[in-house]
Amino acid sequence: MPGSIAVLTDPGINGMKQWISIRGKDRSNPILFWLHGGPGFAQMSMPHYLDAELEEEYVVVHWDQRGAGKSNQSGFSEESMTIEQFKADTIVLINYLLEQLVQEKIYLFGHSWGTQLGIELVNEYPKKFHAYISESQVVNNARAVEIVTAWLQHAMKLNNDEKGLEQLAALKNPAYDHSDYHELAQLAISYGGNYDISFLQLALISFKAHEYTFLDYYRLLDGMNRGGRAHSPGRHYDTI
């Protein structure tokens, strides 16, 4: 379509392959830049499902962050997954987008872990953004873990779920370590305390993506399983 844009590229961010998708009906529309959750929960394989209407009004950019999806390349250092490094990667990419699309500001959208990253970026570089939009804004991860644990205990007792209570009791309390947090999240999902769409449905949507190869799906799953265990030494609970 004349004036539109549909690009899948690796602009080379801080010496590492990190892939982005840029799509929009009119390349002169404002940029809407997604910061996905996780770390590791890349969303580039789902924009055709998520973004059809957004692409009418914006140039929508999805980025597989280091250690996620197409950017989970073998041999990269997990120790580089620090908040400071993610911030450095993001600002390089934002400057790249502004230059390539000849714009002065962007709209920044953060989801879960992406909100931790996003809120620091808009605080440090406010002149680069029209606005900041967040979904599942992270405020206090430690308190969130406590709330989820108490809610599950109450719900399981009401349902006489002895097996669930045993699983919950077997976790460290609070469940900050990666493996414990992951199991706590799975228990919350089983009680409807997470997405309003199943992971099976998300997988079926994801597998239709033209942007991903078979190897990229392996990279995606590997990055999701890693989660945030490398990026917060001493604080291994994740966000999604």
Protein backbone atom coordinates (compact mmCIF):
# COMPACT_ATOMS: atom_id res chain seq x y z
CA MET A 1 0.00 0.00 0.00
CA PRO A 2 1.49 3.39 -0.98
CA GLY A 3 2.93 5.21 2.04
CA SER A 4 2.65 2.17 4.33
CA ILE A 5 5.47 0.40 6.13
CA ALA A 6 6.06 -3.28 6.98
CA VAL A 7 9.64 -3.99 8.05
CA LEU A 8 11.32 -6.80 9.96
CA THR A 9 14.91 -5.85 10.72
CA ASP A 10 17.88 -6.08 13.04
CA PRO A 11 19.22 -2.53 13.41
CA GLY A 12 22.18 -3.72 15.54
CA ILE A 13 21.71 -2.53 19.11
CA ASN A 14 24.77 -2.22 21.33
CA GLY A 15 26.68 -4.93 19.49
CA MET A 16 23.91 -7.55 19.61
CA LYS A 17 21.31 -8.79 17.12
CA GLN A 18 17.96 -7.49 18.36
CA TRP A 19 15.01 -7.73 16.02
CA ILE A 20 12.17 -5.25 15.54
CA SER A 21 8.94 -5.25 13.56
CA ILE A 22 7.65 -1.93 12.19
CA ARG A 23 4.13 -1.89 10.71
CA GLY A 24 1.64 0.82 9.83
CA LYS A 25 -0.83 1.90 7.15
CA ASP A 26 0.85 5.31 6.90
CA ARG A 27 4.53 5.67 7.81
CA SER A 28 3.95 9.33 8.74
CA ASN A 29 1.61 8.35 11.59
CA PRO A 30 2.95 8.64 15.15
CA ILE A 31 5.10 5.79 16.48
CA LEU A 32 3.65 3.43 19.09
CA PHE A 33 6.50 1.43 20.61
CA TRP A 34 5.75 -1.70 22.69
CA LEU A 35 7.93 -2.81 25.59
CA HIS A 36 6.97 -6.43 26.18
CA GLY A 37 6.78 -8.22 29.50
CA GLY A 38 8.79 -11.03 30.99
CA PRO A 39 11.67 -10.50 30.73
CA GLY A 40 11.43 -12.96 27.84
CA PHE A 41 7.72 -12.70 27.01
CA ALA A 42 8.21 -11.37 23.47
CA GLN A 43 5.08 -10.41 21.51
CA MET A 44 6.38 -9.97 17.97
CA SER A 45 4.66 -13.18 16.89
CA MET A 46 1.21 -11.78 17.77
CA PRO A 47 0.90 -8.29 16.23
CA HIS A 48 -1.33 -9.43 13.36
CA TYR A 49 -3.84 -10.48 16.01
CA LEU A 50 -3.26 -7.61 18.45
CA ASP A 51 -2.57 -4.59 16.29
CA ALA A 52 -4.83 -4.52 13.21
CA GLU A 53 -6.74 -1.44 14.35
CA LEU A 54 -3.71 0.23 15.92
CA GLU A 55 -1.83 0.02 12.60
CA GLU A 56 -4.54 2.22 11.05
CA GLU A 57 -3.58 5.10 13.35
CA TYR A 58 0.02 4.41 14.37
CA VAL A 59 3.28 2.97 13.17
CA VAL A 60 3.43 0.06 15.61
CA VAL A 61 6.85 -1.21 16.67
CA HIS A 62 7.46 -4.53 18.41
CA TRP A 63 10.92 -5.36 19.71
CA ASP A 64 12.24 -8.71 20.90
CA GLN A 65 14.47 -7.54 23.75
CA ARG A 66 17.83 -9.19 24.43
CA GLY A 67 17.22 -12.74 25.60
CA ALA A 68 13.70 -12.86 24.13
CA GLY A 69 12.29 -14.38 20.94
CA LYS A 70 14.30 -13.66 17.82
CA SER A 71 16.83 -11.77 19.97
CA ASN A 72 17.57 -14.77 22.18
CA GLN A 73 20.66 -15.64 20.17
CA SER A 74 22.96 -18.44 21.32
CA GLY A 75 26.13 -17.35 23.06
CA PHE A 76 24.95 -14.00 24.40
CA SER A 77 25.74 -13.22 28.02
CA GLU A 78 22.79 -13.62 30.38
CA GLU A 79 24.70 -11.39 32.80
CA SER A 80 24.02 -8.51 30.39
CA MET A 81 20.31 -8.70 31.25
CA THR A 82 20.38 -5.81 33.70
CA ILE A 83 17.94 -2.93 33.92
CA GLU A 84 20.70 -0.49 32.97
CA GLN A 85 21.54 -2.52 29.86
CA PHE A 86 17.88 -2.81 28.86
CA LYS A 87 17.52 0.94 29.25
CA ALA A 88 20.63 1.54 27.14
CA ASP A 89 19.27 -0.80 24.43
CA THR A 90 15.88 0.90 24.47
CA ILE A 91 17.18 4.45 24.08
CA VAL A 92 19.41 3.38 21.17
CA LEU A 93 16.38 1.84 19.49
CA ILE A 94 14.17 4.87 20.17
CA ASN A 95 16.75 7.17 18.59
CA TYR A 96 16.96 4.81 15.60
CA LEU A 97 13.16 4.90 15.13
CA LEU A 98 12.97 8.68 15.43
CA GLU A 99 15.70 9.06 12.82
CA GLN A 100 14.34 6.44 10.41
CA LEU A 101 10.76 7.69 10.56
CA VAL A 102 11.71 11.39 10.80
CA GLN A 103 9.79 12.10 14.00
CA GLU A 104 10.60 13.92 17.22
CA LYS A 105 8.66 11.90 19.79
CA ILE A 106 6.97 8.53 20.24
CA TYR A 107 4.16 6.96 22.24
CA LEU A 108 5.59 4.38 24.64
CA PHE A 109 3.52 1.37 25.72
CA GLY A 110 4.75 -0.91 28.51
CA HIS A 111 3.35 -4.25 29.65
CA SER A 112 4.29 -5.78 33.03
CA TRP A 113 8.13 -5.98 33.10
CA GLY A 114 8.03 -3.44 30.26
CA THR A 115 6.36 -0.97 32.65
CA GLN A 116 9.38 -1.12 34.97
CA LEU A 117 11.59 -0.24 32.04
CA GLY A 118 9.18 2.28 30.55
CA ILE A 119 8.55 4.33 33.66
CA GLU A 120 12.28 4.84 34.19
CA LEU A 121 12.79 5.86 30.56
CA VAL A 122 10.04 8.48 30.54
CA ASN A 123 11.41 9.85 33.80
CA GLU A 124 14.94 10.14 32.38
CA TYR A 125 14.08 11.18 28.80
CA PRO A 126 10.67 12.95 28.99
CA LYS A 127 11.21 15.02 25.83
CA LYS A 128 11.30 11.89 23.66
CA PHE A 129 7.71 10.88 24.42
CA HIS A 130 4.22 12.13 23.57
CA ALA A 131 2.82 9.92 26.32
CA TYR A 132 3.44 6.76 28.32
CA ILE A 133 0.77 4.04 28.43
CA SER A 134 1.04 1.08 30.79
CA GLU A 135 -0.77 -2.23 31.21
CA SER A 136 -0.21 -4.28 34.39
CA GLN A 137 1.96 -1.52 35.80
CA VAL A 138 4.56 -2.89 38.21
CA VAL A 139 4.53 -0.98 41.49
CA ASN A 140 5.85 -3.36 44.16
CA ASN A 141 6.65 -6.91 43.06
CA ALA A 142 7.28 -8.16 46.59
CA ARG A 143 3.88 -6.92 47.78
CA ALA A 144 2.22 -8.41 44.68
CA VAL A 145 3.64 -11.84 45.55
CA GLU A 146 2.24 -11.55 49.09
CA ILE A 147 -1.21 -10.55 47.80
CA VAL A 148 -1.34 -13.41 45.27
CA THR A 149 -0.28 -15.95 47.91
CA ALA A 150 -2.94 -14.79 50.39
CA TRP A 151 -5.62 -14.75 47.67
CA LEU A 152 -4.74 -18.28 46.56
CA GLN A 153 -4.82 -19.59 50.13
CA HIS A 154 -8.29 -18.10 50.62
CA ALA A 155 -9.61 -19.37 47.27
CA MET A 156 -8.19 -22.87 47.78
CA LYS A 157 -9.71 -23.17 51.25
CA LEU A 158 -13.11 -22.13 49.92
CA ASN A 159 -12.80 -24.83 47.24
CA ASN A 160 -11.46 -27.47 49.64
CA ASP A 161 -8.48 -27.77 47.32
CA GLU A 162 -6.13 -29.81 49.50
CA LYS A 163 -3.75 -30.61 46.63
CA GLY A 164 -3.46 -26.93 45.72
CA LEU A 165 -2.81 -25.97 49.33
CA GLU A 166 -0.07 -28.58 49.52
CA GLN A 167 1.55 -27.20 46.35
CA LEU A 168 1.34 -23.68 47.74
CA ALA A 169 2.80 -24.71 51.10
CA ALA A 170 5.73 -26.40 49.34
CA LEU A 171 6.85 -23.07 47.86
CA LYS A 172 9.16 -20.71 49.69
CA ASN A 173 7.17 -17.96 51.33
CA PRO A 174 7.47 -15.39 49.87
CA ALA A 175 8.01 -17.06 46.46
CA TYR A 176 10.75 -14.81 45.10
CA ASP A 177 13.04 -17.39 43.47
CA HIS A 178 12.43 -17.95 39.77
CA SER A 179 11.19 -21.55 40.05
CA ASP A 180 8.91 -20.80 43.02
CA TYR A 181 7.55 -17.67 41.39
CA HIS A 182 6.86 -19.59 38.17
CA GLU A 183 4.87 -22.24 40.06
CA LEU A 184 2.99 -19.57 42.02
CA ALA A 185 2.04 -17.91 38.73
CA GLN A 186 0.81 -21.26 37.33
CA LEU A 187 -1.38 -21.76 40.41
CA ALA A 188 -2.78 -18.24 40.00
CA ILE A 189 -3.54 -18.96 36.33
CA SER A 190 -5.38 -22.17 37.30
CA TYR A 191 -7.67 -20.04 39.52
CA GLY A 192 -8.33 -17.44 36.81
CA GLY A 193 -5.97 -14.87 38.28
CA ASN A 194 -4.05 -13.99 35.16
CA TYR A 195 -4.89 -13.67 31.46
CA ASP A 196 -8.42 -13.80 30.04
CA ILE A 197 -7.06 -15.98 27.22
CA SER A 198 -5.35 -19.34 27.64
CA PHE A 199 -1.71 -19.99 26.82
CA LEU A 200 -2.91 -22.57 24.28
CA GLN A 201 -4.89 -19.87 22.48
CA LEU A 202 -1.89 -17.54 22.60
CA ALA A 203 0.31 -20.30 21.18
CA LEU A 204 -2.09 -20.95 18.31
CA ILE A 205 -2.10 -17.22 17.50
CA SER A 206 1.69 -17.03 17.76
CA PHE A 207 2.29 -20.03 15.48
CA LYS A 208 0.66 -18.16 12.57
CA ALA A 209 3.34 -15.47 12.56
CA HIS A 210 5.32 -14.91 9.36
CA GLU A 211 8.02 -13.14 11.38
CA TYR A 212 9.14 -16.30 13.20
CA THR A 213 10.95 -19.41 12.01
CA PHE A 214 10.82 -22.77 13.80
CA LEU A 215 14.11 -21.89 15.51
CA ASP A 216 12.66 -18.56 16.64
CA TYR A 217 9.87 -20.40 18.47
CA TYR A 218 12.50 -22.42 20.31
CA ARG A 219 14.26 -19.15 21.19
CA LEU A 220 10.95 -17.71 22.38
CA LEU A 221 10.22 -20.64 24.70
CA ASP A 222 13.81 -20.66 25.99
CA GLY A 223 13.63 -16.96 26.83
CA MET A 224 10.26 -17.35 28.54
CA ASN A 225 11.58 -20.22 30.65
CA ARG A 226 14.62 -18.15 31.64
CA GLY A 227 12.38 -15.28 32.73
CA GLY A 228 14.07 -12.73 34.94
CA ARG A 229 16.42 -15.01 36.84
CA ALA A 230 19.45 -13.34 35.24
CA HIS A 231 18.40 -9.72 35.40
CA SER A 232 17.85 -9.17 39.13
CA PRO A 233 20.53 -10.89 41.21
CA GLY A 234 19.17 -11.38 44.71
CA ARG A 235 15.61 -10.61 43.54
CA HIS A 236 14.74 -13.52 41.28
CA TYR A 237 10.97 -13.12 41.14
CA ASP A 238 9.79 -12.24 37.63
CA THR A 239 7.10 -10.13 36.08
CA ILE A 240 5.09 -11.17 33.04
